[in-house]
Every structure is written in C-alpha cells, then in structure tokens.
Amino acid sequence: MKNHATGISEILDQLETPLEKLVSEGKSAMNKVASREKYLNTQFAAQLQDLTKTQVTFQNRKTLIFEKSGPAISNVFKISGKSERSARNL
C-alpha cells in the first residue's frame, strides 16, 4: 500500500508543473477572447445605435404614411401580401 501511495505522489509531482502551465495558457486564451470581444462590441456599438435610430425613424414614417393615406393604402398592402402568398403556393 505504501508503494502505491509513493507512486501516486511521484506522478502528482510530475503532473503538477504541466497542469499549472495548462491552466495558465487557458487563462491567457480566455483573456485574449474577452479582449477581442470587448473590441468588437466597441466597434459595433455605433452601428447598433444607428440601426436602432433608423428603425425608429422607419416605423414613425410608416405610421405617418398609414395615417395620411387611410384605408386605401392598407388595402393595397393586404392585396400585395395575398398575391405574394399565392405566388409562393404555386
């Protein structure tokens, strides 16, 4: 039993340094990924804000068009949607 304990202890001593190196490399890789993620998020933040503003502007203009055009335009869109569905079914 003492031989097994000694063998296990020796193996653990041999593995300790490579495992510490592996953990260190893993932490380094995760830090690099986090840094790149932060960079990408920073780069696209402005585009995301522009997209949001554009979507709001589009929705406002769409609502305004529907309000001004009344039921006539909504009927056109309904007919257009039905014709697209019919074309897909063919």
PDB file of N, CA and C in Angstrom:
ATOM      1  N   MET A   1       0.815  -1.183   0.000  1.00  0.00           N
ATOM      2  CA  MET A   1       0.000   0.000   0.000  1.00  0.00           C
ATOM      3  C   MET A   1       0.870   1.263   0.000  1.00  0.00           C
ATOM      4  N   LYS A   2       1.984   1.187   0.720  1.00  0.00           N
ATOM      5  CA  LYS A   2       2.886   2.326   0.793  1.00  0.00           C
ATOM      6  C   LYS A   2       3.505   2.602  -0.577  1.00  0.00           C
ATOM      7  N   ASN A   3       3.766   1.502  -1.345  1.00  0.00           N
ATOM      8  CA  ASN A   3       4.328   1.662  -2.682  1.00  0.00           C
ATOM      9  C   ASN A   3       3.357   2.415  -3.597  1.00  0.00           C
ATOM     10  N   HIS A   4       2.076   2.099  -3.487  1.00  0.00           N
ATOM     11  CA  HIS A   4       1.064   2.779  -4.305  1.00  0.00           C
ATOM     12  C   HIS A   4       0.996   4.264  -3.960  1.00  0.00           C
ATOM     13  N   ALA A   5       1.034   4.573  -2.679  1.00  0.00           N
ATOM     14  CA  ALA A   5       0.985   5.969  -2.243  1.00  0.00           C
ATOM     15  C   ALA A   5       2.203   6.728  -2.743  1.00  0.00           C
ATOM     16  N   THR A   6       3.365   6.076  -2.683  1.00  0.00           N
ATOM     17  CA  THR A   6       4.592   6.702  -3.166  1.00  0.00           C
ATOM     18  C   THR A   6       4.507   6.929  -4.672  1.00  0.00           C
ATOM     19  N   GLY A   7       4.012   5.930  -5.411  1.00  0.00           N
ATOM     20  CA  GLY A   7       3.866   6.049  -6.864  1.00  0.00           C
ATOM     21  C   GLY A   7       2.910   7.171  -7.243  1.00  0.00           C
ATOM     22  N   ILE A   8       1.798   7.235  -6.564  1.00  0.00           N
ATOM     23  CA  ILE A   8       0.811   8.292  -6.832  1.00  0.00           C
ATOM     24  C   ILE A   8       1.411   9.659  -6.524  1.00  0.00           C
ATOM     25  N   SER A   9       2.118   9.766  -5.439  1.00  0.00           N
ATOM     26  CA  SER A   9       2.746  11.028  -5.050  1.00  0.00           C
ATOM     27  C   SER A   9       3.755  11.478  -6.108  1.00  0.00           C
ATOM     28  N   GLU A  10       4.531  10.532  -6.641  1.00  0.00           N
ATOM     29  CA  GLU A  10       5.519  10.865  -7.668  1.00  0.00           C
ATOM     30  C   GLU A  10       4.826  11.336  -8.954  1.00  0.00           C
ATOM     31  N   ILE A  11       3.780  10.638  -9.317  1.00  0.00           N
ATOM     32  CA  ILE A  11       3.046  11.019 -10.526  1.00  0.00           C
ATOM     33  C   ILE A  11       2.434  12.417 -10.362  1.00  0.00           C
ATOM     34  N   LEU A  12       1.863  12.682  -9.192  1.00  0.00           N
ATOM     35  CA  LEU A  12       1.285  14.001  -8.940  1.00  0.00           C
ATOM     36  C   LEU A  12       2.347  15.086  -9.023  1.00  0.00           C
ATOM     37  N   ASP A  13       3.536  14.803  -8.490  1.00  0.00           N
ATOM     38  CA  ASP A  13       4.632  15.767  -8.563  1.00  0.00           C
ATOM     39  C   ASP A  13       5.033  16.033 -10.016  1.00  0.00           C
ATOM     40  N   GLN A  14       5.027  14.990 -10.846  1.00  0.00           N
ATOM     41  CA  GLN A  14       5.394  15.134 -12.254  1.00  0.00           C
ATOM     42  C   GLN A  14       4.320  15.904 -13.041  1.00  0.00           C
ATOM     43  N   LEU A  15       3.066  15.731 -12.660  1.00  0.00           N
ATOM     44  CA  LEU A  15       1.971  16.368 -13.392  1.00  0.00           C
ATOM     45  C   LEU A  15       1.686  17.798 -12.939  1.00  0.00           C
ATOM     46  N   GLU A  16       2.131  18.164 -11.775  1.00  0.00           N
ATOM     47  CA  GLU A  16       1.796  19.471 -11.228  1.00  0.00           C
ATOM     48  C   GLU A  16       2.253  20.615 -12.127  1.00  0.00           C
ATOM     49  N   THR A  17       3.487  20.598 -12.578  1.00  0.00           N
ATOM     50  CA  THR A  17       4.017  21.683 -13.413  1.00  0.00           C
ATOM     51  C   THR A  17       3.298  21.764 -14.760  1.00  0.00           C
ATOM     52  N   PRO A  18       3.131  20.650 -15.490  1.00  0.00           N
ATOM     53  CA  PRO A  18       2.408  20.753 -16.774  1.00  0.00           C
ATOM     54  C   PRO A  18       0.955  21.207 -16.600  1.00  0.00           C
ATOM     55  N   LEU A  19       0.314  20.773 -15.517  1.00  0.00           N
ATOM     56  CA  LEU A  19      -1.071  21.193 -15.292  1.00  0.00           C
ATOM     57  C   LEU A  19      -1.148  22.687 -14.972  1.00  0.00           C
ATOM     58  N   GLU A  20      -0.198  23.179 -14.202  1.00  0.00           N
ATOM     59  CA  GLU A  20      -0.169  24.613 -13.914  1.00  0.00           C
ATOM     60  C   GLU A  20       0.050  25.419 -15.199  1.00  0.00           C
ATOM     61  N   LYS A  21       0.920  24.913 -16.067  1.00  0.00           N
ATOM     62  CA  LYS A  21       1.170  25.569 -17.350  1.00  0.00           C
ATOM     63  C   LYS A  21      -0.100  25.559 -18.204  1.00  0.00           C
ATOM     64  N   LEU A  22      -0.800  24.443 -18.217  1.00  0.00           N
ATOM     65  CA  LEU A  22      -2.039  24.321 -18.983  1.00  0.00           C
ATOM     66  C   LEU A  22      -3.100  25.302 -18.471  1.00  0.00           C
ATOM     67  N   VAL A  23      -3.224  25.404 -17.172  1.00  0.00           N
ATOM     68  CA  VAL A  23      -4.180  26.347 -16.576  1.00  0.00           C
ATOM     69  C   VAL A  23      -3.795  27.782 -16.945  1.00  0.00           C
ATOM     70  N   SER A  24      -2.517  28.092 -16.890  1.00  0.00           N
ATOM     71  CA  SER A  24      -2.039  29.429 -17.231  1.00  0.00           C
ATOM     72  C   SER A  24      -2.341  29.756 -18.694  1.00  0.00           C
ATOM     73  N   GLU A  25      -2.104  28.806 -19.594  1.00  0.00           N
ATOM     74  CA  GLU A  25      -2.383  29.013 -21.015  1.00  0.00           C
ATOM     75  C   GLU A  25      -3.889  29.178 -21.255  1.00  0.00           C
ATOM     76  N   GLY A  26      -4.678  28.422 -20.515  1.00  0.00           N
ATOM     77  CA  GLY A  26      -6.136  28.542 -20.642  1.00  0.00           C
ATOM     78  C   GLY A  26      -6.616  29.920 -20.206  1.00  0.00           C
ATOM     79  N   LYS A  27      -6.086  30.397 -19.096  1.00  0.00           N
ATOM     80  CA  LYS A  27      -6.455  31.734 -18.625  1.00  0.00           C
ATOM     81  C   LYS A  27      -6.034  32.804 -19.628  1.00  0.00           C
ATOM     82  N   SER A  28      -4.848  32.645 -20.193  1.00  0.00           N
ATOM     83  CA  SER A  28      -4.363  33.593 -21.183  1.00  0.00           C
ATOM     84  C   SER A  28      -5.261  33.613 -22.419  1.00  0.00           C
ATOM     85  N   ALA A  29      -5.654  32.432 -22.874  1.00  0.00           N
ATOM     86  CA  ALA A  29      -6.539  32.346 -24.038  1.00  0.00           C
ATOM     87  C   ALA A  29      -7.890  32.989 -23.750  1.00  0.00           C
ATOM     88  N   MET A  30      -8.416  32.758 -22.562  1.00  0.00           N
ATOM     89  CA  MET A  30      -9.706  33.357 -22.200  1.00  0.00           C
ATOM     90  C   MET A  30      -9.600  34.873 -22.107  1.00  0.00           C
ATOM     91  N   ASN A  31      -8.485  35.387 -21.611  1.00  0.00           N
ATOM     92  CA  ASN A  31      -8.283  36.836 -21.544  1.00  0.00           C
ATOM     93  C   ASN A  31      -8.216  37.440 -22.949  1.00  0.00           C
ATOM     94  N   LYS A  32      -7.554  36.730 -23.877  1.00  0.00           N
ATOM     95  CA  LYS A  32      -7.489  37.209 -25.260  1.00  0.00           C
ATOM     96  C   LYS A  32      -8.880  37.254 -25.881  1.00  0.00           C
ATOM     97  N   VAL A  33      -9.660  36.212 -25.662  1.00  0.00           N
ATOM     98  CA  VAL A  33     -11.022  36.168 -26.208  1.00  0.00           C
ATOM     99  C   VAL A  33     -11.855  37.303 -25.625  1.00  0.00           C
ATOM    100  N   ALA A  34     -11.750  37.526 -24.334  1.00  0.00           N
ATOM    101  CA  ALA A  34     -12.511  38.599 -23.688  1.00  0.00           C
ATOM    102  C   ALA A  34     -12.098  39.961 -24.237  1.00  0.00           C
ATOM    103  N   SER A  35     -10.809  40.131 -24.468  1.00  0.00           N
ATOM    104  CA  SER A  35     -10.314  41.389 -25.018  1.00  0.00           C
ATOM    105  C   SER A  35     -10.847  41.610 -26.432  1.00  0.00           C
ATOM    106  N   ARG A  36     -10.825  40.569 -27.251  1.00  0.00           N
ATOM    107  CA  ARG A  36     -11.337  40.684 -28.619  1.00  0.00           C
ATOM    108  C   ARG A  36     -12.840  40.945 -28.630  1.00  0.00           C
ATOM    109  N   GLU A  37     -13.545  40.296 -27.728  1.00  0.00           N
ATOM    110  CA  GLU A  37     -14.992  40.503 -27.627  1.00  0.00           C
ATOM    111  C   GLU A  37     -15.288  41.963 -27.262  1.00  0.00           C
ATOM    112  N   LYS A  38     -14.533  42.495 -26.323  1.00  0.00           N
ATOM    113  CA  LYS A  38     -14.723  43.882 -25.915  1.00  0.00           C
ATOM    114  C   LYS A  38     -14.442  44.823 -27.086  1.00  0.00           C
ATOM    115  N   TYR A  39     -13.390  44.545 -27.838  1.00  0.00           N
ATOM    116  CA  TYR A  39     -13.047  45.362 -29.003  1.00  0.00           C
ATOM    117  C   TYR A  39     -14.174  45.330 -30.034  1.00  0.00           C
ATOM    118  N   LEU A  40     -14.672  44.140 -30.343  1.00  0.00           N
ATOM    119  CA  LEU A  40     -15.751  44.018 -31.322  1.00  0.00           C
ATOM    120  C   LEU A  40     -17.017  44.724 -30.856  1.00  0.00           C
ATOM    121  N   ASN A  41     -17.342  44.571 -29.592  1.00  0.00           N
ATOM    122  CA  ASN A  41     -18.524  45.249 -29.053  1.00  0.00           C
ATOM    123  C   ASN A  41     -18.382  46.768 -29.169  1.00  0.00           C
ATOM    124  N   THR A  42     -17.191  47.268 -28.928  1.00  0.00           N
ATOM    125  CA  THR A  42     -16.942  48.701 -29.044  1.00  0.00           C
ATOM    126  C   THR A  42     -17.095  49.158 -30.494  1.00  0.00           C
ATOM    127  N   GLN A  43     -16.556  48.362 -31.417  1.00  0.00           N
ATOM    128  CA  GLN A  43     -16.621  48.726 -32.828  1.00  0.00           C
ATOM    129  C   GLN A  43     -18.051  48.764 -33.354  1.00  0.00           C
ATOM    130  N   PHE A  44     -18.887  47.850 -32.893  1.00  0.00           N
ATOM    131  CA  PHE A  44     -20.237  47.756 -33.429  1.00  0.00           C
ATOM    132  C   PHE A  44     -21.278  48.520 -32.621  1.00  0.00           C
ATOM    133  N   ALA A  45     -20.886  49.124 -31.531  1.00  0.00           N
ATOM    134  CA  ALA A  45     -21.847  49.868 -30.711  1.00  0.00           C
ATOM    135  C   ALA A  45     -22.458  51.023 -31.499  1.00  0.00           C
ATOM    136  N   ALA A  46     -21.626  51.744 -32.229  1.00  0.00           N
ATOM    137  CA  ALA A  46     -22.124  52.885 -33.007  1.00  0.00           C
ATOM    138  C   ALA A  46     -23.085  52.411 -34.100  1.00  0.00           C
ATOM    139  N   GLN A  47     -22.747  51.312 -34.782  1.00  0.00           N
ATOM    140  CA  GLN A  47     -23.623  50.798 -35.826  1.00  0.00           C
ATOM    141  C   GLN A  47     -24.951  50.333 -35.255  1.00  0.00           C
ATOM    142  N   LEU A  48     -24.913  49.762 -34.085  1.00  0.00           N
ATOM    143  CA  LEU A  48     -26.145  49.305 -33.446  1.00  0.00           C
ATOM    144  C   LEU A  48     -27.038  50.494 -33.091  1.00  0.00           C
ATOM    145  N   GLN A  49     -26.441  51.562 -32.607  1.00  0.00           N
ATOM    146  CA  GLN A  49     -27.214  52.765 -32.301  1.00  0.00           C
ATOM    147  C   GLN A  49     -27.825  53.346 -33.572  1.00  0.00           C
ATOM    148  N   ASP A  50     -27.036  53.384 -34.657  1.00  0.00           N
ATOM    149  CA  ASP A  50     -27.558  53.884 -35.932  1.00  0.00           C
ATOM    150  C   ASP A  50     -28.713  53.024 -36.426  1.00  0.00           C
ATOM    151  N   LEU A  51     -28.573  51.723 -36.305  1.00  0.00           N
ATOM    152  CA  LEU A  51     -29.640  50.820 -36.725  1.00  0.00           C
ATOM    153  C   LEU A  51     -30.909  51.070 -35.921  1.00  0.00           C
ATOM    154  N   THR A  52     -30.767  51.214 -34.631  1.00  0.00           N
ATOM    155  CA  THR A  52     -31.928  51.461 -33.775  1.00  0.00           C
ATOM    156  C   THR A  52     -32.623  52.770 -34.159  1.00  0.00           C
ATOM    157  N   LYS A  53     -31.828  53.817 -34.368  1.00  0.00           N
ATOM    158  CA  LYS A  53     -32.405  55.103 -34.770  1.00  0.00           C
ATOM    159  C   LYS A  53     -33.116  54.978 -36.114  1.00  0.00           C
ATOM    160  N   THR A  54     -32.508  54.281 -37.047  1.00  0.00           N
ATOM    161  CA  THR A  54     -33.103  54.105 -38.369  1.00  0.00           C
ATOM    162  C   THR A  54     -34.398  53.324 -38.294  1.00  0.00           C
ATOM    163  N   GLN A  55     -34.422  52.291 -37.463  1.00  0.00           N
ATOM    164  CA  GLN A  55     -35.644  51.504 -37.306  1.00  0.00           C
ATOM    165  C   GLN A  55     -36.771  52.348 -36.714  1.00  0.00           C
ATOM    166  N   VAL A  56     -36.438  53.175 -35.737  1.00  0.00           N
ATOM    167  CA  VAL A  56     -37.451  54.047 -35.129  1.00  0.00           C
ATOM    168  C   VAL A  56     -37.960  55.046 -36.163  1.00  0.00           C
ATOM    169  N   THR A  57     -37.046  55.653 -36.925  1.00  0.00           N
ATOM    170  CA  THR A  57     -37.439  56.604 -37.966  1.00  0.00           C
ATOM    171  C   THR A  57     -38.327  55.932 -38.999  1.00  0.00           C
ATOM    172  N   PHE A  58     -37.944  54.728 -39.419  1.00  0.00           N
ATOM    173  CA  PHE A  58     -38.736  53.989 -40.394  1.00  0.00           C
ATOM    174  C   PHE A  58     -40.135  53.711 -39.865  1.00  0.00           C
ATOM    175  N   GLN A  59     -40.218  53.251 -38.640  1.00  0.00           N
ATOM    176  CA  GLN A  59     -41.524  52.939 -38.052  1.00  0.00           C
ATOM    177  C   GLN A  59     -42.386  54.195 -37.940  1.00  0.00           C
ATOM    178  N   ASN A  60     -41.778  55.305 -37.554  1.00  0.00           N
ATOM    179  CA  ASN A  60     -42.520  56.564 -37.448  1.00  0.00           C
ATOM    180  C   ASN A  60     -43.052  57.005 -38.814  1.00  0.00           C
ATOM    181  N   ARG A  61     -42.205  56.904 -39.824  1.00  0.00           N
ATOM    182  CA  ARG A  61     -42.633  57.297 -41.169  1.00  0.00           C
ATOM    183  C   ARG A  61     -43.698  56.353 -41.716  1.00  0.00           C
ATOM    184  N   LYS A  62     -43.546  55.092 -41.453  1.00  0.00           N
ATOM    185  CA  LYS A  62     -44.537  54.108 -41.893  1.00  0.00           C
ATOM    186  C   LYS A  62     -45.891  54.407 -41.249  1.00  0.00           C
ATOM    187  N   THR A  63     -45.878  54.693 -39.963  1.00  0.00           N
ATOM    188  CA  THR A  63     -47.115  55.022 -39.250  1.00  0.00           C
ATOM    189  C   THR A  63     -47.735  56.288 -39.829  1.00  0.00           C
ATOM    190  N   LEU A  64     -46.910  57.272 -40.096  1.00  0.00           N
ATOM    191  CA  LEU A  64     -47.395  58.528 -40.663  1.00  0.00           C
ATOM    192  C   LEU A  64     -48.026  58.295 -42.032  1.00  0.00           C
ATOM    193  N   ILE A  65     -47.406  57.481 -42.862  1.00  0.00           N
ATOM    194  CA  ILE A  65     -47.955  57.175 -44.188  1.00  0.00           C
ATOM    195  C   ILE A  65     -49.309  56.491 -44.060  1.00  0.00           C
ATOM    196  N   PHE A  66     -49.394  55.523 -43.176  1.00  0.00           N
ATOM    197  CA  PHE A  66     -50.672  54.831 -42.981  1.00  0.00           C
ATOM    198  C   PHE A  66     -51.748  55.777 -42.467  1.00  0.00           C
ATOM    199  N   GLU A  67     -51.356  56.678 -41.579  1.00  0.00           N
ATOM    200  CA  GLU A  67     -52.335  57.631 -41.041  1.00  0.00           C
ATOM    201  C   GLU A  67     -52.836  58.584 -42.122  1.00  0.00           C
ATOM    202  N   LYS A  68     -51.933  59.043 -42.975  1.00  0.00           N
ATOM    203  CA  LYS A  68     -52.308  60.012 -44.011  1.00  0.00           C
ATOM    204  C   LYS A  68     -53.039  59.369 -45.184  1.00  0.00           C
ATOM    205  N   SER A  69     -52.685  58.140 -45.503  1.00  0.00           N
ATOM    206  CA  SER A  69     -53.274  57.514 -46.681  1.00  0.00           C
ATOM    207  C   SER A  69     -54.613  56.854 -46.389  1.00  0.00           C
ATOM    208  N   GLY A  70     -54.854  56.583 -45.138  1.00  0.00           N
ATOM    209  CA  GLY A  70     -56.128  55.981 -44.762  1.00  0.00           C
ATOM    210  C   GLY A  70     -56.226  54.526 -45.178  1.00  0.00           C
ATOM    211  N   PRO A  71     -57.443  54.053 -45.322  1.00  0.00           N
ATOM    212  CA  PRO A  71     -57.656  52.632 -45.603  1.00  0.00           C
ATOM    213  C   PRO A  71     -57.212  52.207 -46.996  1.00  0.00           C
ATOM    214  N   ALA A  72     -57.071  53.133 -47.926  1.00  0.00           N
ATOM    215  CA  ALA A  72     -56.713  52.761 -49.299  1.00  0.00           C
ATOM    216  C   ALA A  72     -55.360  52.054 -49.341  1.00  0.00           C
ATOM    217  N   ILE A  73     -54.379  52.611 -48.684  1.00  0.00           N
ATOM    218  CA  ILE A  73     -53.041  52.026 -48.729  1.00  0.00           C
ATOM    219  C   ILE A  73     -52.990  50.698 -47.990  1.00  0.00           C
ATOM    220  N   SER A  74     -53.722  50.591 -46.891  1.00  0.00           N
ATOM    221  CA  SER A  74     -53.708  49.329 -46.161  1.00  0.00           C
ATOM    222  C   SER A  74     -54.328  48.218 -46.999  1.00  0.00           C
ATOM    223  N   ASN A  75     -55.345  48.551 -47.814  1.00  0.00           N
ATOM    224  CA  ASN A  75     -55.924  47.554 -48.718  1.00  0.00           C
ATOM    225  C   ASN A  75     -54.918  47.118 -49.771  1.00  0.00           C
ATOM    226  N   VAL A  76     -54.117  48.058 -50.260  1.00  0.00           N
ATOM    227  CA  VAL A  76     -53.084  47.722 -51.245  1.00  0.00           C
ATOM    228  C   VAL A  76     -52.087  46.743 -50.637  1.00  0.00           C
ATOM    229  N   PHE A  77     -51.664  47.006 -49.405  1.00  0.00           N
ATOM    230  CA  PHE A  77     -50.712  46.115 -48.760  1.00  0.00           C
ATOM    231  C   PHE A  77     -51.321  44.744 -48.486  1.00  0.00           C
ATOM    232  N   LYS A  78     -52.584  44.702 -48.147  1.00  0.00           N
ATOM    233  CA  LYS A  78     -53.257  43.418 -47.919  1.00  0.00           C
ATOM    234  C   LYS A  78     -53.308  42.621 -49.214  1.00  0.00           C
ATOM    235  N   ILE A  79     -53.675  43.289 -50.312  1.00  0.00           N
ATOM    236  CA  ILE A  79     -53.750  42.618 -51.611  1.00  0.00           C
ATOM    237  C   ILE A  79     -52.363  42.154 -52.025  1.00  0.00           C
ATOM    238  N   SER A  80     -51.370  42.992 -51.821  1.00  0.00           N
ATOM    239  CA  SER A  80     -50.000  42.646 -52.174  1.00  0.00           C
ATOM    240  C   SER A  80     -49.534  41.426 -51.390  1.00  0.00           C
ATOM    241  N   GLY A  81     -49.846  41.385 -50.100  1.00  0.00           N
ATOM    242  CA  GLY A  81     -49.457  40.247 -49.266  1.00  0.00           C
ATOM    243  C   GLY A  81     -50.138  38.972 -49.713  1.00  0.00           C
ATOM    244  N   LYS A  82     -51.415  39.078 -50.101  1.00  0.00           N
ATOM    245  CA  LYS A  82     -52.144  37.893 -50.572  1.00  0.00           C
ATOM    246  C   LYS A  82     -51.555  37.395 -51.882  1.00  0.00           C
ATOM    247  N   SER A  83     -51.187  38.308 -52.778  1.00  0.00           N
ATOM    248  CA  SER A  83     -50.638  37.884 -54.061  1.00  0.00           C
ATOM    249  C   SER A  83     -49.268  37.228 -53.879  1.00  0.00           C
ATOM    250  N   GLU A  84     -48.478  37.707 -52.923  1.00  0.00           N
ATOM    251  CA  GLU A  84     -47.180  37.077 -52.646  1.00  0.00           C
ATOM    252  C   GLU A  84     -47.371  35.669 -52.114  1.00  0.00           C
ATOM    253  N   ARG A  85     -48.324  35.489 -51.210  1.00  0.00           N
ATOM    254  CA  ARG A  85     -48.595  34.142 -50.681  1.00  0.00           C
ATOM    255  C   ARG A  85     -49.087  33.212 -51.772  1.00  0.00           C
ATOM    256  N   SER A  86     -49.923  33.728 -52.666  1.00  0.00           N
ATOM    257  CA  SER A  86     -50.436  32.909 -53.760  1.00  0.00           C
ATOM    258  C   SER A  86     -49.304  32.505 -54.691  1.00  0.00           C
ATOM    259  N   ALA A  87     -48.393  33.419 -54.955  1.00  0.00           N
ATOM    260  CA  ALA A  87     -47.257  33.118 -55.822  1.00  0.00           C
ATOM    261  C   ALA A  87     -46.366  32.051 -55.190  1.00  0.00           C
ATOM    262  N   ARG A  88     -46.183  32.102 -53.881  1.00  0.00           N
ATOM    263  CA  ARG A  88     -45.359  31.089 -53.191  1.00  0.00           C
ATOM    264  C   ARG A  88     -46.019  29.719 -53.249  1.00  0.00           C
ATOM    265  N   ASN A  89     -47.326  29.698 -53.184  1.00  0.00           N
ATOM    266  CA  ASN A  89     -48.050  28.421 -53.205  1.00  0.00           C
ATOM    267  C   ASN A  89     -48.006  27.754 -54.563  1.00  0.00           C
ATOM    268  N   LEU A  90     -47.745  28.534 -55.607  1.00  0.00           N
ATOM    269  CA  LEU A  90     -47.670  27.967 -56.953  1.00  0.00           C
ATOM    270  C   LEU A  90     -46.380  27.298 -57.101  1.00  0.00           C
TER     271      LEU A  90
END
